[in-house]
Amino acid sequence: MELHAKLKANELPELTEEQKESPFSGIYKRDIGDVTPEIELAFQPGEMIDPSKAVMPEDLWEYLLPGGPEPEMGYCLLPNGGGYTCLVADVPGVSKEMFDFRTRLVLADHVGFMIEFPGKHLGHWESLCTEDFGVGYMHATILDRSYSAFELGYPTHPSLANPEIVEFIAKEADEIPLEGPIDATRGKNTLVFVSRETDTGLRCWAFVYSGLHVVEGKSSLVLAPGEEITLEKCRLRGLHLAYEYVGRKELLDEYYEEYRDRPMAPAKPWPERFLPFRH
């Protein structure tokens, strides 16, 4: 079984005439780099971690402290029917300022988002991105709101407890299909992203809790009737995130120095069919 359906440059869809006007369109048709051997091993088909090794959002605090433990990278199904994905990715030579530039870029220019993972990233708006995680799983991810440290049961914000942490994001997310009717009861997830400075760049943790939201300080299952989280979906989530970090590193190496001080356009308006989800 192939590790991931990574598109090659000659397989990528053609850009529209409008997209070709982007200053970033010149590196769209390219083969993305490879993930590290450690990531490839962690996301082999069927190689799930023991669910007891899954670190839930409300239990992350000790991992966020200076000298805290490292989460085990991998994916699994949880006993309650939810899913778990954990990626650990080093991004050498990249600073917090470079990551901040990337955020501004993808909000201002769809092609800036598309070249991060060519063929798999389709478009980005404020709090909304459209992506393809794998065959039969093309969707829009809507980042509804951020969880506060208080809601997660933490005594303070992680960056105040650990100066190495330059980014901590914990969000509710809804996923809806790009085609067909929208069912607002399905596709609930929680996303947590942690970036901390190292001697060589950033070390990034990305957690996806499939079918879960945090309710009253605890991860709670929010599956619709008949909805099922699959192991393969959890695996592909991790690989998709890993290739994002590979592409992000390549993107920042290519464009940060040239474009970091240029003004960015405001975030593009949401497509009309997604507007009912806007918060």
Protein backbone atom coordinates (compact mmCIF):
# COMPACT_ATOMS: atom_id res chain seq x y z
CA MET A 1 0.00 0.00 0.00
CA GLU A 2 1.37 3.40 -0.96
CA LEU A 3 2.31 5.62 1.97
CA HIS A 4 0.46 8.63 0.57
CA ALA A 5 -1.00 9.72 -2.76
CA LYS A 6 1.54 12.51 -3.26
CA LEU A 7 1.05 14.14 -6.63
CA LYS A 8 4.02 14.66 -8.94
CA ALA A 9 4.52 17.90 -10.82
CA ASN A 10 3.29 16.49 -14.12
CA GLU A 11 0.08 15.26 -12.45
CA LEU A 12 -0.96 18.58 -10.92
CA PRO A 13 -4.10 20.36 -12.16
CA GLU A 14 -3.47 23.46 -14.23
CA LEU A 15 -3.75 26.84 -12.55
CA THR A 16 -6.45 29.24 -13.69
CA GLU A 17 -5.48 32.40 -15.52
CA GLU A 18 -6.15 34.38 -12.33
CA GLN A 19 -3.96 32.05 -10.27
CA LYS A 20 -1.14 32.39 -12.78
CA GLU A 21 -1.00 36.11 -11.91
CA SER A 22 0.20 35.25 -8.40
CA PRO A 23 3.92 35.91 -7.80
CA PHE A 24 4.06 32.42 -6.27
CA SER A 25 2.69 30.52 -9.28
CA GLY A 26 6.19 29.83 -10.62
CA ILE A 27 6.90 27.05 -8.11
CA TYR A 28 3.44 25.45 -8.17
CA LYS A 29 4.46 22.79 -10.70
CA ARG A 30 7.02 21.01 -8.58
CA ASP A 31 7.59 17.74 -6.79
CA ILE A 32 7.33 18.28 -3.05
CA GLY A 33 10.17 17.00 -0.86
CA ASP A 34 10.10 13.82 1.21
CA VAL A 35 9.19 13.36 4.85
CA THR A 36 11.85 12.12 7.27
CA PRO A 37 12.36 8.37 7.78
CA GLU A 38 10.98 8.72 11.34
CA ILE A 39 7.73 10.21 10.04
CA GLU A 40 7.48 7.66 7.24
CA LEU A 41 7.89 4.83 9.74
CA ALA A 42 5.32 6.30 12.15
CA PHE A 43 2.62 6.55 9.48
CA GLN A 44 2.96 3.21 7.75
CA PRO A 45 -0.42 1.54 7.13
CA GLY A 46 -1.53 -0.54 10.10
CA GLU A 47 1.33 0.60 12.36
CA MET A 48 -0.82 2.38 14.94
CA ILE A 49 0.44 3.28 18.40
CA ASP A 50 -1.06 1.93 21.62
CA PRO A 51 -4.10 4.13 22.42
CA SER A 52 -2.78 4.47 25.98
CA LYS A 53 0.06 6.59 24.48
CA ALA A 54 -2.40 9.14 23.09
CA VAL A 55 -2.04 12.51 24.85
CA MET A 56 -5.38 14.30 25.10
CA PRO A 57 -5.59 18.12 25.08
CA GLU A 58 -6.43 18.34 28.78
CA ASP A 59 -3.40 16.13 29.59
CA LEU A 60 -0.83 18.05 27.55
CA TRP A 61 0.26 20.44 30.28
CA GLU A 62 3.23 18.41 31.58
CA TYR A 63 4.46 17.97 27.99
CA LEU A 64 4.49 21.74 27.51
CA LEU A 65 6.68 22.53 30.51
CA PRO A 66 10.47 22.94 30.21
CA GLY A 67 12.08 19.51 30.16
CA GLY A 68 8.69 17.82 29.74
CA PRO A 69 8.22 14.48 27.96
CA GLU A 70 7.89 14.09 24.20
CA PRO A 71 4.64 12.69 22.80
CA GLU A 72 4.89 9.50 20.77
CA MET A 73 4.34 10.17 17.08
CA GLY A 74 1.71 8.07 15.36
CA TYR A 75 -2.01 7.43 15.04
CA CYS A 76 -4.70 5.22 16.54
CA LEU A 77 -8.39 4.81 17.25
CA LEU A 78 -9.46 5.75 20.76
CA PRO A 79 -11.57 3.48 22.99
CA ASN A 80 -14.46 5.98 22.85
CA GLY A 81 -14.68 5.79 19.03
CA GLY A 82 -12.68 8.92 18.28
CA GLY A 83 -9.36 9.10 16.46
CA TYR A 84 -5.91 10.37 17.38
CA THR A 85 -3.04 11.67 15.26
CA CYS A 86 0.26 13.07 16.55
CA LEU A 87 3.02 14.47 14.34
CA VAL A 88 6.45 15.50 15.63
CA ALA A 89 8.33 17.49 12.98
CA ASP A 90 11.59 19.42 13.13
CA VAL A 91 11.74 22.44 10.82
CA PRO A 92 15.42 23.46 10.73
CA GLY A 93 16.43 26.99 9.83
CA VAL A 94 12.93 28.38 10.37
CA SER A 95 12.05 31.00 12.98
CA LYS A 96 8.79 32.15 14.55
CA GLU A 97 8.92 35.26 12.35
CA MET A 98 9.09 33.07 9.25
CA PHE A 99 6.05 31.07 10.43
CA ASP A 100 4.15 34.32 11.03
CA PHE A 101 4.97 35.39 7.46
CA ARG A 102 3.60 32.09 6.18
CA THR A 103 0.30 32.72 7.97
CA ARG A 104 -0.04 36.17 6.39
CA LEU A 105 0.87 34.76 2.99
CA VAL A 106 -1.73 32.00 2.89
CA LEU A 107 -4.45 34.40 4.02
CA ALA A 108 -3.59 36.87 1.29
CA ASP A 109 -2.88 34.57 -1.65
CA HIS A 110 -4.53 31.23 -2.43
CA VAL A 111 -1.55 30.14 -4.52
CA GLY A 112 0.73 30.78 -1.54
CA PHE A 113 -1.27 28.10 0.25
CA MET A 114 -1.44 25.79 -2.77
CA ILE A 115 2.33 25.62 -3.28
CA GLU A 116 2.82 24.50 0.32
CA PHE A 117 1.41 21.10 -0.65
CA PRO A 118 0.78 21.14 -4.43
CA GLY A 119 -2.31 19.26 -5.51
CA LYS A 120 -3.49 18.71 -1.93
CA HIS A 121 -3.98 22.32 -0.80
CA LEU A 122 -6.82 23.89 -2.75
CA GLY A 123 -7.55 27.26 -1.16
CA HIS A 124 -7.38 29.30 2.03
CA TRP A 125 -9.58 31.96 3.58
CA GLU A 126 -9.64 33.39 7.08
CA SER A 127 -10.45 30.44 9.40
CA LEU A 128 -11.26 28.22 6.40
CA CYS A 129 -9.07 26.03 4.22
CA THR A 130 -9.95 23.48 1.56
CA GLU A 131 -7.73 20.42 1.26
CA ASP A 132 -7.50 16.84 0.02
CA PHE A 133 -6.36 14.43 2.75
CA GLY A 134 -6.60 11.38 0.51
CA VAL A 135 -8.81 9.56 -1.93
CA GLY A 136 -12.44 10.25 -1.06
CA TYR A 137 -11.63 12.80 1.61
CA MET A 138 -11.66 16.24 -0.02
CA HIS A 139 -13.09 18.73 2.43
CA ALA A 140 -13.21 22.19 3.95
CA THR A 141 -11.82 22.64 7.45
CA ILE A 142 -13.48 25.45 9.38
CA LEU A 143 -11.64 26.63 12.49
CA ASP A 144 -14.53 27.68 14.69
CA ARG A 145 -12.93 29.09 17.80
CA SER A 146 -9.87 28.86 20.03
CA TYR A 147 -9.84 27.13 23.39
CA SER A 148 -8.45 29.21 26.25
CA ALA A 149 -5.90 27.82 28.70
CA PHE A 150 -8.68 27.92 31.31
CA GLU A 151 -10.99 25.77 29.15
CA LEU A 152 -8.21 23.19 28.80
CA GLY A 153 -7.60 23.14 32.55
CA TYR A 154 -4.14 24.77 32.36
CA PRO A 155 -2.97 27.16 35.10
CA THR A 156 -1.71 29.70 32.52
CA HIS A 157 -0.95 30.02 28.82
CA PRO A 158 1.79 27.53 27.81
CA SER A 159 4.04 30.27 26.40
CA LEU A 160 4.11 31.93 29.83
CA ALA A 161 5.15 28.68 31.50
CA ASN A 162 7.76 27.78 28.88
CA PRO A 163 9.63 30.57 27.01
CA GLU A 164 10.71 28.08 24.33
CA ILE A 165 7.10 27.87 23.10
CA VAL A 166 6.55 30.42 20.34
CA GLU A 167 3.13 29.14 19.25
CA PHE A 168 0.31 27.29 20.95
CA ILE A 169 -2.99 26.95 19.11
CA ALA A 170 -5.92 24.83 20.27
CA LYS A 171 -9.09 25.07 18.17
CA GLU A 172 -12.44 23.51 17.56
CA ALA A 173 -12.78 22.48 13.92
CA ASP A 174 -15.60 21.40 11.65
CA GLU A 175 -15.00 19.48 8.42
CA ILE A 176 -17.55 19.51 5.62
CA PRO A 177 -17.38 17.92 2.15
CA LEU A 178 -16.61 20.16 -0.79
CA GLU A 179 -19.30 18.40 -2.83
CA GLY A 180 -22.84 17.54 -1.81
CA PRO A 181 -25.00 18.69 1.08
CA ILE A 182 -23.53 20.04 4.31
CA ASP A 183 -24.35 18.14 7.51
CA ALA A 184 -23.39 20.35 10.42
CA THR A 185 -23.57 17.48 12.93
CA ARG A 186 -20.59 15.63 11.44
CA GLY A 187 -16.87 16.20 11.08
CA LYS A 188 -16.13 17.57 14.55
CA ASN A 189 -12.45 17.72 15.50
CA THR A 190 -10.03 19.40 17.86
CA LEU A 191 -6.68 20.64 16.54
CA VAL A 192 -3.65 21.52 18.68
CA PHE A 193 -0.41 22.95 17.28
CA VAL A 194 2.70 23.60 19.36
CA SER A 195 5.92 25.15 18.07
CA ARG A 196 8.99 25.60 20.23
CA GLU A 197 12.40 27.01 19.47
CA THR A 198 15.42 24.70 19.29
CA ASP A 199 19.09 25.32 18.60
CA THR A 200 18.50 24.62 14.90
CA GLY A 201 15.02 26.01 14.21
CA LEU A 202 11.59 24.91 15.39
CA ARG A 203 10.21 21.63 16.69
CA CYS A 204 6.52 21.35 15.91
CA TRP A 205 3.86 19.10 17.37
CA ALA A 206 0.54 18.73 15.58
CA PHE A 207 -2.35 16.85 17.20
CA VAL A 208 -5.68 15.98 15.59
CA TYR A 209 -8.45 14.59 17.79
CA SER A 210 -11.00 13.25 15.31
CA GLY A 211 -14.62 13.26 16.41
CA LEU A 212 -13.87 15.15 19.62
CA HIS A 213 -14.43 18.61 21.07
CA VAL A 214 -13.39 19.81 24.51
CA VAL A 215 -16.45 20.14 26.74
CA GLU A 216 -16.13 21.36 30.34
CA GLY A 217 -12.40 20.71 30.31
CA LYS A 218 -12.54 17.17 28.91
CA SER A 219 -12.27 15.69 25.43
CA SER A 220 -15.79 14.56 24.54
CA LEU A 221 -17.02 12.46 21.63
CA VAL A 222 -19.29 14.36 19.22
CA LEU A 223 -19.98 11.82 16.46
CA ALA A 224 -23.24 12.03 14.56
CA PRO A 225 -25.44 8.90 14.37
CA GLY A 226 -23.78 6.42 12.03
CA GLU A 227 -20.56 8.46 11.75
CA GLU A 228 -17.35 6.42 12.03
CA ILE A 229 -13.75 7.51 12.42
CA THR A 230 -11.44 5.20 10.48
CA LEU A 231 -7.83 4.32 11.20
CA GLU A 232 -6.84 5.21 7.64
CA LYS A 233 -8.30 8.69 8.02
CA CYS A 234 -6.17 9.22 11.14
CA ARG A 235 -3.07 7.98 9.31
CA LEU A 236 -3.61 10.25 6.31
CA ARG A 237 -4.13 13.24 8.58
CA GLY A 238 -0.65 12.77 10.00
CA LEU A 239 1.00 12.37 6.62
CA HIS A 240 -0.83 15.38 5.22
CA LEU A 241 0.41 17.52 8.10
CA ALA A 242 3.96 16.17 7.64
CA TYR A 243 4.03 17.09 3.95
CA GLU A 244 2.67 20.53 4.88
CA TYR A 245 5.74 21.12 7.04
CA VAL A 246 8.06 19.91 4.27
CA GLY A 247 6.40 22.25 1.78
CA ARG A 248 6.30 25.10 4.27
CA LYS A 249 10.06 24.85 4.81
CA GLU A 250 10.66 24.92 1.05
CA LEU A 251 8.25 27.84 0.66
CA LEU A 252 9.92 29.90 3.39
CA ASP A 253 13.41 29.21 2.05
CA GLU A 254 12.24 30.43 -1.37
CA TYR A 255 10.21 33.52 -0.52
CA TYR A 256 10.73 34.79 3.02
CA GLU A 257 13.62 37.17 2.35
CA GLU A 258 12.01 38.58 -0.78
CA TYR A 259 8.46 39.03 0.47
CA ARG A 260 8.61 39.31 4.27
CA ASP A 261 8.29 43.11 4.35
CA ARG A 262 5.82 43.52 1.51
CA PRO A 263 2.25 44.45 2.44
CA MET A 264 -0.21 41.59 2.10
CA ALA A 265 -3.72 41.80 0.73
CA PRO A 266 -6.56 41.25 3.23
CA ALA A 267 -7.98 37.75 3.58
CA LYS A 268 -10.30 36.81 0.74
CA PRO A 269 -14.09 36.59 1.39
CA TRP A 270 -15.47 33.12 2.10
CA PRO A 271 -17.27 31.23 -0.69
CA GLU A 272 -21.00 31.78 -0.34
CA ARG A 273 -21.95 28.17 0.38
CA PHE A 274 -19.74 28.12 3.49
CA LEU A 275 -21.03 31.38 4.97
CA PRO A 276 -23.55 29.72 7.35
CA PHE A 277 -20.54 28.27 9.22
CA ARG A 278 -18.84 31.62 9.72
CA HIS A 279 -18.51 32.64 13.36
